[in-house]
Amino acid sequence: MAGQHNFLAFMLLCLCGTQLTTVAAETDATCSDQRERISQQIKDARLKGDSSQRALLEAQLQNLTERCQGVVPLQPNHAEIERAMRLATTREAQLREALGTGDPQVIEVSKRRLDQARKQLEAAKH
């Protein structure tokens, strides 16, 4: 009877291991599909010259890569920090665009928005 119990336990363990591998493969496929979709959107934004959209998509791709690799946030407010980082990246891209226009008012507004985004990021980190 003990031999039969050990055999059933062994079969159950093998079955669970197979299911875990299947779940991991599905997750990898899902991550791969999402990576491909975001990468294509980044290429489209680059072709259109939309640097703020491209910066936002690159931040999304970075977050996806971290999630797919199983990186666990160390800080409890990780989502807030990520949001603030994306905003700061977007504001940096907008400032670069404003500098390209040469309009002093647009440049000043962009600088103020970037400064505010950076302050929010620093506040989120502390």
C-alpha atoms as a PDB file:
ATOM      1  CA  MET A   1       0.000   0.000   0.000  1.00  0.00           C
ATOM      2  CA  ALA A   2       2.868   2.390   0.814  1.00  0.00           C
ATOM      3  CA  GLY A   3       4.361   1.699  -2.628  1.00  0.00           C
ATOM      4  CA  GLN A   4       1.102   2.631  -4.302  1.00  0.00           C
ATOM      5  CA  HIS A   5       0.885   5.824  -2.195  1.00  0.00           C
ATOM      6  CA  ASN A   6       4.449   6.787  -3.206  1.00  0.00           C
ATOM      7  CA  PHE A   7       3.661   6.125  -6.857  1.00  0.00           C
ATOM      8  CA  LEU A   8       0.542   8.343  -6.702  1.00  0.00           C
ATOM      9  CA  ALA A   9       2.529  11.094  -4.984  1.00  0.00           C
ATOM     10  CA  PHE A  10       5.214  10.825  -7.680  1.00  0.00           C
ATOM     11  CA  MET A  11       2.628  11.033 -10.478  1.00  0.00           C
ATOM     12  CA  LEU A  12       0.965  14.026  -8.818  1.00  0.00           C
ATOM     13  CA  LEU A  13       4.321  15.783  -8.512  1.00  0.00           C
ATOM     14  CA  CYS A  14       5.107  15.137 -12.183  1.00  0.00           C
ATOM     15  CA  LEU A  15       1.699  16.409 -13.223  1.00  0.00           C
ATOM     16  CA  CYS A  16       2.095  19.616 -11.161  1.00  0.00           C
ATOM     17  CA  GLY A  17       5.547  20.221 -12.627  1.00  0.00           C
ATOM     18  CA  THR A  18       4.140  19.881 -16.133  1.00  0.00           C
ATOM     19  CA  GLN A  19       1.362  22.353 -15.380  1.00  0.00           C
ATOM     20  CA  LEU A  20       3.825  24.897 -13.980  1.00  0.00           C
ATOM     21  CA  THR A  21       5.947  24.604 -17.100  1.00  0.00           C
ATOM     22  CA  THR A  22       2.874  25.136 -19.265  1.00  0.00           C
ATOM     23  CA  VAL A  23       1.895  28.251 -17.283  1.00  0.00           C
ATOM     24  CA  ALA A  24       5.435  29.616 -17.634  1.00  0.00           C
ATOM     25  CA  ALA A  25       5.372  28.998 -21.382  1.00  0.00           C
ATOM     26  CA  GLU A  26       2.053  30.825 -21.701  1.00  0.00           C
ATOM     27  CA  THR A  27       3.449  33.733 -19.719  1.00  0.00           C
ATOM     28  CA  ASP A  28       6.530  33.850 -21.950  1.00  0.00           C
ATOM     29  CA  ALA A  29       4.329  33.840 -25.052  1.00  0.00           C
ATOM     30  CA  THR A  30       2.147  36.603 -23.613  1.00  0.00           C
ATOM     31  CA  CYS A  31       5.190  38.695 -22.730  1.00  0.00           C
ATOM     32  CA  SER A  32       6.660  38.109 -26.161  1.00  0.00           C
ATOM     33  CA  ASP A  33       3.442  39.195 -27.884  1.00  0.00           C
ATOM     34  CA  GLN A  34       3.200  42.336 -25.766  1.00  0.00           C
ATOM     35  CA  ARG A  35       6.879  43.143 -26.352  1.00  0.00           C
ATOM     36  CA  GLU A  36       6.390  42.808 -30.106  1.00  0.00           C
ATOM     37  CA  ARG A  37       3.295  45.036 -30.049  1.00  0.00           C
ATOM     38  CA  ILE A  38       5.010  47.778 -28.025  1.00  0.00           C
ATOM     39  CA  SER A  39       8.172  47.541 -30.145  1.00  0.00           C
ATOM     40  CA  GLN A  40       6.105  48.083 -33.280  1.00  0.00           C
ATOM     41  CA  GLN A  41       4.419  51.094 -31.687  1.00  0.00           C
ATOM     42  CA  ILE A  42       7.861  52.499 -30.799  1.00  0.00           C
ATOM     43  CA  LYS A  43       8.953  52.112 -34.435  1.00  0.00           C
ATOM     44  CA  ASP A  44       5.791  53.861 -35.621  1.00  0.00           C
ATOM     45  CA  ALA A  45       6.331  56.728 -33.165  1.00  0.00           C
ATOM     46  CA  ARG A  46       9.954  57.032 -34.280  1.00  0.00           C
ATOM     47  CA  LEU A  47       8.886  57.213 -37.937  1.00  0.00           C
ATOM     48  CA  LYS A  48       6.307  59.883 -37.107  1.00  0.00           C
ATOM     49  CA  GLY A  49       8.886  61.835 -35.104  1.00  0.00           C
ATOM     50  CA  ASP A  50       6.712  61.652 -31.978  1.00  0.00           C
ATOM     51  CA  SER A  51       9.438  61.555 -29.339  1.00  0.00           C
ATOM     52  CA  SER A  52       7.128  62.004 -26.348  1.00  0.00           C
ATOM     53  CA  GLN A  53       5.006  59.010 -27.414  1.00  0.00           C
ATOM     54  CA  ARG A  54       8.172  57.026 -28.095  1.00  0.00           C
ATOM     55  CA  ALA A  55       9.539  57.834 -24.623  1.00  0.00           C
ATOM     56  CA  LEU A  56       6.280  56.734 -23.027  1.00  0.00           C
ATOM     57  CA  LEU A  57       6.262  53.476 -25.006  1.00  0.00           C
ATOM     58  CA  GLU A  58       9.901  52.796 -24.132  1.00  0.00           C
ATOM     59  CA  ALA A  59       9.028  53.183 -20.445  1.00  0.00           C
ATOM     60  CA  GLN A  60       6.145  50.728 -20.927  1.00  0.00           C
ATOM     61  CA  LEU A  61       8.501  48.288 -22.610  1.00  0.00           C
ATOM     62  CA  GLN A  62      10.944  48.570 -19.717  1.00  0.00           C
ATOM     63  CA  ASN A  63       8.160  47.911 -17.202  1.00  0.00           C
ATOM     64  CA  LEU A  64       6.959  44.918 -19.212  1.00  0.00           C
ATOM     65  CA  THR A  65      10.473  43.508 -19.359  1.00  0.00           C
ATOM     66  CA  GLU A  66      10.828  43.824 -15.591  1.00  0.00           C
ATOM     67  CA  ARG A  67       7.459  42.156 -14.975  1.00  0.00           C
ATOM     68  CA  CYS A  68       8.207  39.330 -17.391  1.00  0.00           C
ATOM     69  CA  GLN A  69      11.568  38.683 -15.762  1.00  0.00           C
ATOM     70  CA  GLY A  70       9.882  38.496 -12.382  1.00  0.00           C
ATOM     71  CA  VAL A  71      11.474  41.617 -10.949  1.00  0.00           C
ATOM     72  CA  VAL A  72       9.693  42.405  -7.709  1.00  0.00           C
ATOM     73  CA  PRO A  73       9.481  46.028  -6.643  1.00  0.00           C
ATOM     74  CA  LEU A  74      11.416  46.721  -3.456  1.00  0.00           C
ATOM     75  CA  GLN A  75       9.425  49.791  -2.512  1.00  0.00           C
ATOM     76  CA  PRO A  76       5.771  49.703  -1.510  1.00  0.00           C
ATOM     77  CA  ASN A  77       5.031  52.747  -3.687  1.00  0.00           C
ATOM     78  CA  HIS A  78       6.688  51.281  -6.777  1.00  0.00           C
ATOM     79  CA  ALA A  79       3.700  52.070  -9.005  1.00  0.00           C
ATOM     80  CA  GLU A  80       3.774  55.728  -7.967  1.00  0.00           C
ATOM     81  CA  ILE A  81       7.504  55.928  -8.679  1.00  0.00           C
ATOM     82  CA  GLU A  82       7.021  54.299 -12.094  1.00  0.00           C
ATOM     83  CA  ARG A  83       4.244  56.764 -12.942  1.00  0.00           C
ATOM     84  CA  ALA A  84       6.418  59.701 -11.889  1.00  0.00           C
ATOM     85  CA  MET A  85       9.341  58.347 -13.940  1.00  0.00           C
ATOM     86  CA  ARG A  86       7.150  58.008 -17.043  1.00  0.00           C
ATOM     87  CA  LEU A  87       5.856  61.542 -16.549  1.00  0.00           C
ATOM     88  CA  ALA A  88       9.389  62.935 -16.176  1.00  0.00           C
ATOM     89  CA  THR A  89      10.505  61.077 -19.310  1.00  0.00           C
ATOM     90  CA  THR A  90       7.540  62.438 -21.239  1.00  0.00           C
ATOM     91  CA  ARG A  91       8.229  65.971 -19.996  1.00  0.00           C
ATOM     92  CA  GLU A  92      11.885  65.663 -21.061  1.00  0.00           C
ATOM     93  CA  ALA A  93      10.794  64.682 -24.560  1.00  0.00           C
ATOM     94  CA  GLN A  94       8.335  67.580 -24.654  1.00  0.00           C
ATOM     95  CA  LEU A  95      11.091  70.000 -23.623  1.00  0.00           C
ATOM     96  CA  ARG A  96      13.307  68.707 -26.431  1.00  0.00           C
ATOM     97  CA  GLU A  97      10.452  69.315 -28.867  1.00  0.00           C
ATOM     98  CA  ALA A  98       9.909  72.810 -27.443  1.00  0.00           C
ATOM     99  CA  LEU A  99      13.595  73.611 -27.816  1.00  0.00           C
ATOM    100  CA  GLY A 100      13.260  72.621 -31.457  1.00  0.00           C
ATOM    101  CA  THR A 101      10.518  75.190 -32.003  1.00  0.00           C
ATOM    102  CA  GLY A 102      12.622  78.023 -30.589  1.00  0.00           C
ATOM    103  CA  ASP A 103       9.530  79.639 -29.000  1.00  0.00           C
ATOM    104  CA  PRO A 104      10.636  81.063 -25.605  1.00  0.00           C
ATOM    105  CA  GLN A 105       7.153  80.780 -24.057  1.00  0.00           C
ATOM    106  CA  VAL A 106       6.732  77.138 -25.046  1.00  0.00           C
ATOM    107  CA  ILE A 107      10.248  76.388 -23.810  1.00  0.00           C
ATOM    108  CA  GLU A 108       9.569  78.060 -20.456  1.00  0.00           C
ATOM    109  CA  VAL A 109       6.304  76.168 -19.947  1.00  0.00           C
ATOM    110  CA  SER A 110       8.039  72.898 -20.829  1.00  0.00           C
ATOM    111  CA  LYS A 111      10.869  73.622 -18.384  1.00  0.00           C
ATOM    112  CA  ARG A 112       8.393  74.308 -15.575  1.00  0.00           C
ATOM    113  CA  ARG A 113       6.479  71.105 -16.321  1.00  0.00           C
ATOM    114  CA  LEU A 114       9.708  69.117 -16.340  1.00  0.00           C
ATOM    115  CA  ASP A 115      10.813  70.666 -13.033  1.00  0.00           C
ATOM    116  CA  GLN A 116       7.452  69.794 -11.488  1.00  0.00           C
ATOM    117  CA  ALA A 117       7.627  66.211 -12.812  1.00  0.00           C
ATOM    118  CA  ARG A 118      11.127  65.816 -11.373  1.00  0.00           C
ATOM    119  CA  LYS A 119       9.960  67.119  -7.997  1.00  0.00           C
ATOM    120  CA  GLN A 120       7.117  64.596  -8.036  1.00  0.00           C
ATOM    121  CA  LEU A 121       9.594  61.839  -8.838  1.00  0.00           C
ATOM    122  CA  GLU A 122      11.878  62.846  -5.969  1.00  0.00           C
ATOM    123  CA  ALA A 123       8.912  63.039  -3.590  1.00  0.00           C
ATOM    124  CA  ALA A 124       7.788  59.562  -4.647  1.00  0.00           C
ATOM    125  CA  LYS A 125      11.261  58.141  -4.060  1.00  0.00           C
ATOM    126  CA  HIS A 126      11.388  59.414  -0.479  1.00  0.00           C
END
